[in-house]
C-alpha atoms as a PDB file:
ATOM      1  CA  UNK A   1     -21.940  22.473  17.332  1.00  0.00           C
ATOM      2  CA  UNK A   2     -19.017  20.461  19.025  1.00  0.00           C
ATOM      3  CA  UNK A   3     -17.843  22.080  22.247  1.00  0.00           C
ATOM      4  CA  UNK A   4     -14.350  22.058  20.468  1.00  0.00           C
ATOM      5  CA  UNK A   5     -15.555  24.283  17.824  1.00  0.00           C
ATOM      6  CA  UNK A   6     -17.425  26.610  20.122  1.00  0.00           C
ATOM      7  CA  UNK A   7     -13.992  27.364  21.962  1.00  0.00           C
ATOM      8  CA  UNK A   8     -12.557  27.975  18.275  1.00  0.00           C
ATOM      9  CA  UNK A   9     -15.512  30.516  17.838  1.00  0.00           C
ATOM     10  CA  UNK A  10     -14.915  31.957  20.936  1.00  0.00           C
ATOM     11  CA  UNK A  11     -11.681  33.451  19.953  1.00  0.00           C
ATOM     12  CA  UNK A  12     -12.856  35.457  17.480  1.00  0.00           C
ATOM     13  CA  UNK A  13     -12.954  38.219  19.829  1.00  0.00           C
ATOM     14  CA  UNK A  14      -8.978  38.176  19.258  1.00  0.00           C
ATOM     15  CA  UNK A  15      -9.530  38.319  15.468  1.00  0.00           C
ATOM     16  CA  UNK A  16     -11.747  41.283  15.748  1.00  0.00           C
ATOM     17  CA  UNK A  17      -9.021  42.962  17.825  1.00  0.00           C
ATOM     18  CA  UNK A  18      -6.432  42.127  15.105  1.00  0.00           C
ATOM     19  CA  UNK A  19      -8.906  44.125  12.632  1.00  0.00           C
ATOM     20  CA  UNK A  20      -8.465  47.049  14.212  1.00  0.00           C
ATOM     21  CA  UNK A  21      -4.735  47.300  13.985  1.00  0.00           C
ATOM     22  CA  UNK A  22      -3.589  50.619  12.709  1.00  0.00           C
ATOM     23  CA  UNK A  23      -1.307  50.715   9.605  1.00  0.00           C
ATOM     24  CA  UNK A  24      -0.174  54.340   9.681  1.00  0.00           C
ATOM     25  CA  UNK A  25      -3.849  56.345   9.876  1.00  0.00           C
ATOM     26  CA  UNK A  26      -5.615  53.435   8.107  1.00  0.00           C
ATOM     27  CA  UNK A  27      -7.030  50.383  10.013  1.00  0.00           C
ATOM     28  CA  UNK A  28      -7.516  46.900   8.606  1.00  0.00           C
ATOM     29  CA  UNK A  29     -11.279  47.641   8.196  1.00  0.00           C
ATOM     30  CA  UNK A  30     -10.512  50.840   6.527  1.00  0.00           C
ATOM     31  CA  UNK A  31      -8.019  49.108   3.910  1.00  0.00           C
ATOM     32  CA  UNK A  32     -10.711  46.454   3.475  1.00  0.00           C
ATOM     33  CA  UNK A  33     -13.381  48.901   2.758  1.00  0.00           C
ATOM     34  CA  UNK A  34     -11.459  50.694   0.288  1.00  0.00           C
ATOM     35  CA  UNK A  35     -10.018  47.314  -1.882  1.00  0.00           C
ATOM     36  CA  UNK A  36      -6.637  47.648  -0.899  1.00  0.00           C
ATOM     37  CA  UNK A  37      -6.756  44.596   1.426  1.00  0.00           C
ATOM     38  CA  UNK A  38      -9.196  41.273   0.843  1.00  0.00           C
ATOM     39  CA  UNK A  39     -10.121  38.421   2.891  1.00  0.00           C
ATOM     40  CA  UNK A  40      -9.477  34.783   1.662  1.00  0.00           C
ATOM     41  CA  UNK A  41     -11.317  31.841   2.692  1.00  0.00           C
ATOM     42  CA  UNK A  42      -8.883  30.377   4.252  1.00  0.00           C
ATOM     43  CA  UNK A  43      -8.620  33.099   7.186  1.00  0.00           C
ATOM     44  CA  UNK A  44      -6.131  34.950   6.134  1.00  0.00           C
ATOM     45  CA  UNK A  45      -5.670  38.675   4.809  1.00  0.00           C
ATOM     46  CA  UNK A  46      -4.246  39.574   1.453  1.00  0.00           C
ATOM     47  CA  UNK A  47      -2.831  42.774   0.180  1.00  0.00           C
ATOM     48  CA  UNK A  48      -4.376  43.657  -3.140  1.00  0.00           C
ATOM     49  CA  UNK A  49      -2.423  44.726  -6.316  1.00  0.00           C
ATOM     50  CA  UNK A  50      -1.414  48.448  -6.055  1.00  0.00           C
ATOM     51  CA  UNK A  51      -1.506  48.176  -2.151  1.00  0.00           C
ATOM     52  CA  UNK A  52       0.915  50.505   0.102  1.00  0.00           C
ATOM     53  CA  UNK A  53       3.980  49.320   1.823  1.00  0.00           C
ATOM     54  CA  UNK A  54       1.957  50.180   4.993  1.00  0.00           C
ATOM     55  CA  UNK A  55      -0.919  48.051   3.796  1.00  0.00           C
ATOM     56  CA  UNK A  56       1.316  45.120   2.981  1.00  0.00           C
ATOM     57  CA  UNK A  57       3.261  45.626   6.309  1.00  0.00           C
ATOM     58  CA  UNK A  58      -0.192  45.257   8.222  1.00  0.00           C
ATOM     59  CA  UNK A  59      -1.371  42.477   6.361  1.00  0.00           C
ATOM     60  CA  UNK A  60       1.914  40.141   7.342  1.00  0.00           C
ATOM     61  CA  UNK A  61       1.475  41.626  11.027  1.00  0.00           C
ATOM     62  CA  UNK A  62      -2.331  40.450  10.773  1.00  0.00           C
ATOM     63  CA  UNK A  63      -1.337  36.901   9.355  1.00  0.00           C
ATOM     64  CA  UNK A  64       1.434  36.257  11.576  1.00  0.00           C
ATOM     65  CA  UNK A  65      -0.756  36.896  14.789  1.00  0.00           C
ATOM     66  CA  UNK A  66      -3.797  34.879  12.837  1.00  0.00           C
ATOM     67  CA  UNK A  67      -1.312  32.002  11.849  1.00  0.00           C
ATOM     68  CA  UNK A  68       0.086  31.660  15.911  1.00  0.00           C
ATOM     69  CA  UNK A  69      -3.992  31.590  16.922  1.00  0.00           C
ATOM     70  CA  UNK A  70      -4.822  29.009  14.545  1.00  0.00           C
ATOM     71  CA  UNK A  71      -1.788  27.119  15.627  1.00  0.00           C
ATOM     72  CA  UNK A  72      -2.895  27.293  18.907  1.00  0.00           C
ATOM     73  CA  UNK A  73      -6.319  26.445  18.643  1.00  0.00           C
ATOM     74  CA  UNK A  74      -5.563  23.424  16.315  1.00  0.00           C
ATOM     75  CA  UNK A  75      -3.227  21.951  18.936  1.00  0.00           C
ATOM     76  CA  UNK A  76      -5.832  22.394  21.935  1.00  0.00           C
ATOM     77  CA  UNK A  77      -8.623  21.135  19.776  1.00  0.00           C
ATOM     78  CA  UNK A  78      -6.561  18.190  17.652  1.00  0.00           C
ATOM     79  CA  UNK A  79      -7.665  19.703  14.485  1.00  0.00           C
ATOM     80  CA  UNK A  80      -5.504  21.261  11.696  1.00  0.00           C
ATOM     81  CA  UNK A  81      -4.893  24.841  11.734  1.00  0.00           C
ATOM     82  CA  UNK A  82      -6.567  25.082   8.355  1.00  0.00           C
ATOM     83  CA  UNK A  83      -9.627  23.793   9.896  1.00  0.00           C
ATOM     84  CA  UNK A  84      -9.382  26.665  12.391  1.00  0.00           C
ATOM     85  CA  UNK A  85      -8.594  28.962   9.906  1.00  0.00           C
ATOM     86  CA  UNK A  86     -11.761  28.139   7.601  1.00  0.00           C
ATOM     87  CA  UNK A  87     -14.123  28.452  10.614  1.00  0.00           C
ATOM     88  CA  UNK A  88     -12.743  32.050  11.506  1.00  0.00           C
ATOM     89  CA  UNK A  89     -12.653  32.995   7.616  1.00  0.00           C
ATOM     90  CA  UNK A  90     -16.391  32.663   7.779  1.00  0.00           C
ATOM     91  CA  UNK A  91     -16.599  35.082  11.054  1.00  0.00           C
ATOM     92  CA  UNK A  92     -14.075  37.472   9.848  1.00  0.00           C
ATOM     93  CA  UNK A  93     -16.434  37.661   6.236  1.00  0.00           C
ATOM     94  CA  UNK A  94     -19.344  38.304   8.303  1.00  0.00           C
ATOM     95  CA  UNK A  95     -17.857  41.168  10.403  1.00  0.00           C
ATOM     96  CA  UNK A  96     -15.814  42.610   7.257  1.00  0.00           C
ATOM     97  CA  UNK A  97     -17.076  45.923   6.218  1.00  0.00           C
ATOM     98  CA  UNK A  98     -18.866  46.547   2.967  1.00  0.00           C
ATOM     99  CA  UNK A  99     -16.474  46.734  -0.196  1.00  0.00           C
ATOM    100  CA  UNK A 100     -14.135  44.043   1.357  1.00  0.00           C
ATOM    101  CA  UNK A 101     -12.593  41.817  -1.528  1.00  0.00           C
ATOM    102  CA  UNK A 102     -13.273  37.860  -0.835  1.00  0.00           C
ATOM    103  CA  UNK A 103     -11.210  35.139  -2.628  1.00  0.00           C
ATOM    104  CA  UNK A 104     -13.388  32.205  -2.521  1.00  0.00           C
ATOM    105  CA  UNK A 105     -11.788  28.617  -2.303  1.00  0.00           C
ATOM    106  CA  UNK A 106     -12.552  28.455  -6.039  1.00  0.00           C
ATOM    107  CA  UNK A 107     -10.041  31.220  -6.432  1.00  0.00           C
ATOM    108  CA  UNK A 108     -12.862  33.849  -7.419  1.00  0.00           C
ATOM    109  CA  UNK A 109     -12.441  37.191  -6.023  1.00  0.00           C
ATOM    110  CA  UNK A 110     -16.303  38.901  -4.883  1.00  0.00           C
ATOM    111  CA  UNK A 111     -17.180  41.881  -2.721  1.00  0.00           C
ATOM    112  CA  UNK A 112     -19.101  42.137   0.199  1.00  0.00           C
END
């Protein structure tokens, strides 16, 4: 693995921290396990249909933090933010709780 990708993966610790941000009484992990929030192939979360306003607000906050991180890492590694997001998406998917919806690149939703 190129050294630059190692640095990207090492930043996963920050993403894991973002995953536990509370929204009222529920964390991102709880919302993902319930199916209210899904994860996408590009490294961003998505509020599913019927998600509460709190869940949608949490998704917006998480995605803003992820976007900043991806842009920072992309600039450091001289790659696109999209490439960084895809690398993180693989790690997010591995660590997400059972029941989490995932949007594949082909546009199909599946569950972990």
